[in-house]
Protein backbone atom coordinates (compact mmCIF):
# COMPACT_ATOMS: atom_id res chain seq x y z
CA MET A 1 -10.82 -13.65 -5.16
CA PRO A 2 -14.25 -12.91 -6.68
CA PRO A 3 -14.53 -9.74 -8.78
CA LEU A 4 -16.36 -6.69 -7.52
CA VAL A 5 -19.99 -6.74 -8.61
CA GLY A 6 -21.65 -3.47 -9.54
CA THR A 7 -20.71 -0.07 -10.96
CA LEU A 8 -18.14 2.20 -9.36
CA PRO A 9 -19.02 5.87 -8.75
CA PRO A 10 -17.79 8.08 -11.66
CA ASP A 11 -14.85 9.65 -9.76
CA CYS A 12 -13.57 6.22 -8.73
CA GLN A 13 -14.07 4.76 -12.19
CA ARG A 14 -12.07 7.58 -13.79
CA ASP A 15 -9.15 6.98 -11.44
CA LEU A 16 -9.32 3.22 -11.99
CA THR A 17 -9.22 3.83 -15.74
CA THR A 18 -6.15 6.03 -15.23
CA LEU A 19 -4.42 3.24 -13.28
CA ARG A 20 -5.23 0.69 -15.98
CA ARG A 21 -3.82 2.99 -18.66
CA SER A 22 -0.63 3.42 -16.66
CA VAL A 23 -0.25 -0.37 -16.45
CA ARG A 24 -0.74 -0.76 -20.20
CA ALA A 25 1.70 2.08 -20.88
CA ALA A 26 4.38 0.55 -18.66
CA LEU A 27 4.05 -2.84 -20.32
CA ALA A 28 4.09 -1.26 -23.79
CA GLU A 29 7.41 0.45 -23.11
CA ALA A 30 9.27 -2.70 -22.07
CA THR A 31 8.78 -6.33 -21.16
CA PRO A 32 9.76 -6.87 -17.52
CA ALA A 33 11.57 -10.04 -16.50
CA PRO A 34 9.58 -12.64 -14.54
CA ALA A 35 9.11 -12.25 -10.80
CA VAL A 36 11.19 -14.35 -8.41
CA SER A 37 9.55 -17.20 -6.54
CA PRO A 38 7.84 -16.17 -3.28
CA ALA A 39 10.22 -18.55 -1.53
CA ASP A 40 13.16 -16.47 -2.82
CA LEU A 41 12.10 -13.00 -1.64
CA ARG A 42 15.18 -11.18 -0.37
CA ASN A 43 14.50 -7.46 -0.83
CA VAL A 44 11.03 -6.12 -0.05
CA LEU A 45 9.67 -2.59 -0.05
CA VAL A 46 7.20 -1.50 2.64
CA THR A 47 5.27 1.74 2.19
CA GLY A 48 3.60 3.15 5.28
CA ALA A 49 6.19 1.45 7.48
CA THR A 50 5.77 4.03 10.25
CA GLY A 51 2.01 3.55 10.43
CA PHE A 52 -0.14 1.52 12.80
CA VAL A 53 0.12 -1.71 10.80
CA GLY A 54 3.48 -1.05 9.14
CA ARG A 55 5.42 -1.06 12.41
CA PHE A 56 4.27 -4.63 13.04
CA LEU A 57 4.73 -5.82 9.46
CA VAL A 58 8.35 -4.63 9.38
CA ARG A 59 9.01 -6.47 12.65
CA ASP A 60 7.40 -9.67 11.35
CA LEU A 61 9.31 -9.58 8.06
CA LEU A 62 12.65 -9.14 9.81
CA ALA A 63 11.95 -11.50 12.70
CA HIS A 64 10.67 -14.43 10.64
CA GLU A 65 12.70 -14.08 7.44
CA SER A 66 16.38 -14.01 8.35
CA GLU A 67 17.60 -13.28 4.81
CA VAL A 68 15.19 -10.45 4.00
CA THR A 69 16.18 -6.78 3.80
CA VAL A 70 13.31 -4.33 4.25
CA HIS A 71 13.39 -1.11 2.22
CA CYS A 72 11.09 1.70 3.41
CA VAL A 73 10.02 5.00 1.87
CA VAL A 74 9.52 7.40 4.78
CA ARG A 75 8.51 11.06 4.72
CA ALA A 76 11.51 12.85 6.20
CA GLU A 77 14.17 15.43 5.42
CA SER A 78 16.80 12.75 4.92
CA ALA A 79 17.29 9.00 5.00
CA GLU A 80 18.86 9.33 8.46
CA ARG A 81 15.85 11.26 9.81
CA GLY A 82 13.57 8.71 8.15
CA PHE A 83 15.34 5.85 9.90
CA GLU A 84 15.07 7.62 13.25
CA ARG A 85 11.36 8.17 12.69
CA LEU A 86 10.82 4.51 11.82
CA ARG A 87 12.80 3.32 14.83
CA ALA A 88 10.96 5.70 17.18
CA ASN A 89 7.57 4.52 15.92
CA MET A 90 8.58 0.87 16.25
CA GLU A 91 9.93 1.48 19.75
CA HIS A 92 6.62 3.09 20.67
CA ALA A 93 4.82 -0.04 19.42
CA GLU A 94 7.38 -2.26 21.19
CA THR A 95 8.36 -3.92 17.90
CA TRP A 96 11.94 -2.63 17.62
CA ASP A 97 15.04 -4.76 17.96
CA ASP A 98 18.54 -3.31 17.52
CA ALA A 99 19.43 -6.40 15.49
CA PHE A 100 17.14 -5.07 12.73
CA THR A 101 19.36 -2.05 12.01
CA SER A 102 21.59 -3.58 9.34
CA ARG A 103 18.63 -5.03 7.45
CA ILE A 104 16.57 -1.86 7.11
CA HIS A 105 17.23 0.56 4.26
CA VAL A 106 15.29 3.84 4.43
CA TYR A 107 14.65 6.26 1.58
CA ALA A 108 13.37 9.76 2.30
CA GLY A 109 10.39 10.23 -0.01
CA ASP A 110 6.64 10.39 -0.48
CA VAL A 111 4.67 7.64 -2.22
CA SER A 112 2.15 10.15 -3.61
CA GLN A 113 4.85 11.84 -5.70
CA SER A 114 6.36 10.75 -9.01
CA ARG A 115 9.01 8.07 -8.38
CA PHE A 116 8.12 8.47 -4.67
CA GLY A 117 10.01 11.77 -4.77
CA LEU A 118 13.28 9.83 -5.16
CA SER A 119 16.14 10.54 -7.54
CA HIS A 120 16.20 8.61 -10.82
CA SER A 121 19.12 6.53 -9.56
CA ASP A 122 17.42 5.56 -6.28
CA PHE A 123 14.13 4.69 -7.98
CA ASP A 124 15.94 2.67 -10.66
CA ARG A 125 17.81 0.83 -7.92
CA LEU A 126 14.53 -0.15 -6.30
CA CYS A 127 13.19 -1.27 -9.67
CA ARG A 128 16.17 -3.60 -10.09
CA GLU A 129 16.49 -4.92 -6.54
CA ILE A 130 13.01 -5.20 -5.04
CA ASP A 131 11.28 -8.60 -5.15
CA ALA A 132 7.96 -7.64 -3.52
CA VAL A 133 6.06 -4.56 -2.39
CA TYR A 134 3.84 -4.33 0.67
CA HIS A 135 1.76 -1.21 0.02
CA LEU A 136 0.31 0.10 3.28
CA ALA A 137 0.75 3.86 2.83
CA ALA A 138 -2.59 5.66 2.86
CA ASN A 139 -4.60 8.29 4.62
CA PRO A 140 -6.97 6.13 6.73
CA ASN A 141 -9.40 8.96 7.52
CA LEU A 142 -12.75 7.19 7.19
CA ILE A 143 -14.81 10.39 7.33
CA ALA A 144 -13.02 12.45 4.67
CA SER A 145 -14.23 12.97 1.09
CA TYR A 146 -12.84 10.98 -1.82
CA ARG A 147 -11.40 14.08 -3.46
CA SER A 148 -9.37 14.90 -0.35
CA LEU A 149 -7.90 11.39 -0.24
CA ARG A 150 -7.51 10.44 -3.91
CA GLN A 151 -3.97 11.79 -4.45
CA VAL A 152 -2.48 9.48 -1.83
CA ASN A 153 -4.95 6.60 -1.63
CA ALA A 154 -5.86 6.20 -5.30
CA LEU A 155 -3.32 7.92 -7.54
CA GLY A 156 -0.43 7.00 -5.22
CA VAL A 157 -0.96 3.41 -6.32
CA ARG A 158 0.20 4.45 -9.81
CA GLU A 159 3.81 4.86 -8.67
CA VAL A 160 3.66 1.54 -6.81
CA LEU A 161 2.48 -0.16 -10.02
CA ARG A 162 5.20 1.62 -11.97
CA LEU A 163 7.80 0.13 -9.64
CA CYS A 164 6.25 -3.32 -9.81
CA LEU A 165 6.31 -3.32 -13.63
CA SER A 166 9.81 -1.91 -14.16
CA ALA A 167 12.90 -4.03 -14.87
CA ARG A 168 11.17 -7.16 -13.56
CA LEU A 169 7.80 -8.01 -12.09
CA LYS A 170 7.31 -7.75 -8.33
CA HIS A 171 4.80 -9.39 -6.04
CA LEU A 172 2.36 -6.76 -4.75
CA PHE A 173 0.45 -6.93 -1.47
CA HIS A 174 -2.08 -4.12 -1.08
CA VAL A 175 -3.50 -3.47 2.39
CA SER A 176 -6.75 -1.77 3.31
CA THR A 177 -8.82 -1.42 6.46
CA MET A 178 -11.97 -3.37 7.26
CA GLY A 179 -13.67 -0.01 6.88
CA VAL A 180 -14.41 -0.79 3.23
CA PHE A 181 -17.20 -3.11 4.40
CA PRO A 182 -20.45 -1.34 5.34
CA GLU A 183 -21.37 -4.31 7.51
CA TYR A 184 -18.22 -3.68 9.56
CA VAL A 185 -18.45 0.11 9.89
CA HIS A 186 -22.18 0.22 10.56
CA SER A 187 -22.49 -2.88 12.69
CA PHE A 188 -22.88 -0.77 15.85
CA ALA A 189 -26.60 -0.29 15.14
CA GLY A 190 -27.28 -3.93 14.36
CA GLU A 191 -28.45 -3.41 10.77
CA TYR A 192 -25.95 -5.98 9.52
CA SER A 193 -26.09 -8.47 12.38
CA ASP A 194 -26.86 -11.25 9.90
CA CYS A 195 -23.85 -10.46 7.65
CA TYR A 196 -20.54 -12.29 7.74
CA ILE A 197 -17.24 -11.09 6.28
CA GLY A 198 -15.20 -14.09 5.09
CA ASP A 199 -11.51 -14.33 4.21
CA HIS A 200 -12.12 -13.73 0.49
CA ALA A 201 -15.08 -11.38 0.77
CA GLN A 202 -15.53 -8.38 -1.49
CA PRO A 203 -17.63 -5.38 -0.39
CA ASP A 204 -20.99 -4.93 -2.10
CA LEU A 205 -20.74 -1.81 -4.28
CA GLY A 206 -24.48 -1.17 -4.28
CA ARG A 207 -24.61 -1.25 -0.49
CA MET A 208 -21.50 0.93 -0.24
CA LYS A 209 -23.02 3.63 -2.45
CA ARG A 210 -26.23 3.65 -0.44
CA VAL A 211 -24.65 4.10 3.00
CA MET A 212 -21.19 5.55 2.26
CA PRO A 213 -21.47 8.65 0.00
CA LEU A 214 -18.20 9.67 -1.66
CA GLY A 215 -18.46 13.23 -0.41
CA LEU A 216 -18.48 12.08 3.21
CA LEU A 217 -16.79 8.66 3.34
CA GLY A 218 -14.27 8.74 0.53
CA TYR A 219 -11.81 6.14 1.85
CA THR A 220 -14.24 3.35 1.16
């Protein structure tokens, strides 16, 4: 994919620098083993599994990959309550199948906390067993300020990277909304009628800063 062109706003740049430092620190402490081949994925972690997209992703992973076990970090009082919440949300979206039960492993936690709020033993287990991470967890409020969203949406990525760089490398799939493109969000007025968003498109940072101020539209 092409790199982003332009300068990030200062708040975003500081958090990006923090993430880069955390990556360098993790790699300085140890050398993780190579990642498994994508064809050999067996244990995957899905954050945001109870969300709008997550409920469908979990279904697709389990329905189309018969040997895959899906691990989910869900905000709940216990793993049992977390599983019930996931099942209820999938039933609401009509994506649940009772056959999935034995292939879903739920952890009660919060991706914005250190080690996802898990015990050392549970987090270490994920570091050893997980082959890939699908990171969907975020606050998708498109009209909130950056400062109100940064703990979950920006700094929460730090713990995901920590997992992906511990014990052995993991494949990482990071999901965002189309709301990062000004030509998508503001298309209702026709200003961007001549713009096209392709499969490998990157948002234009200059345009974003002009029409999406951090104090008002922080998700972008």
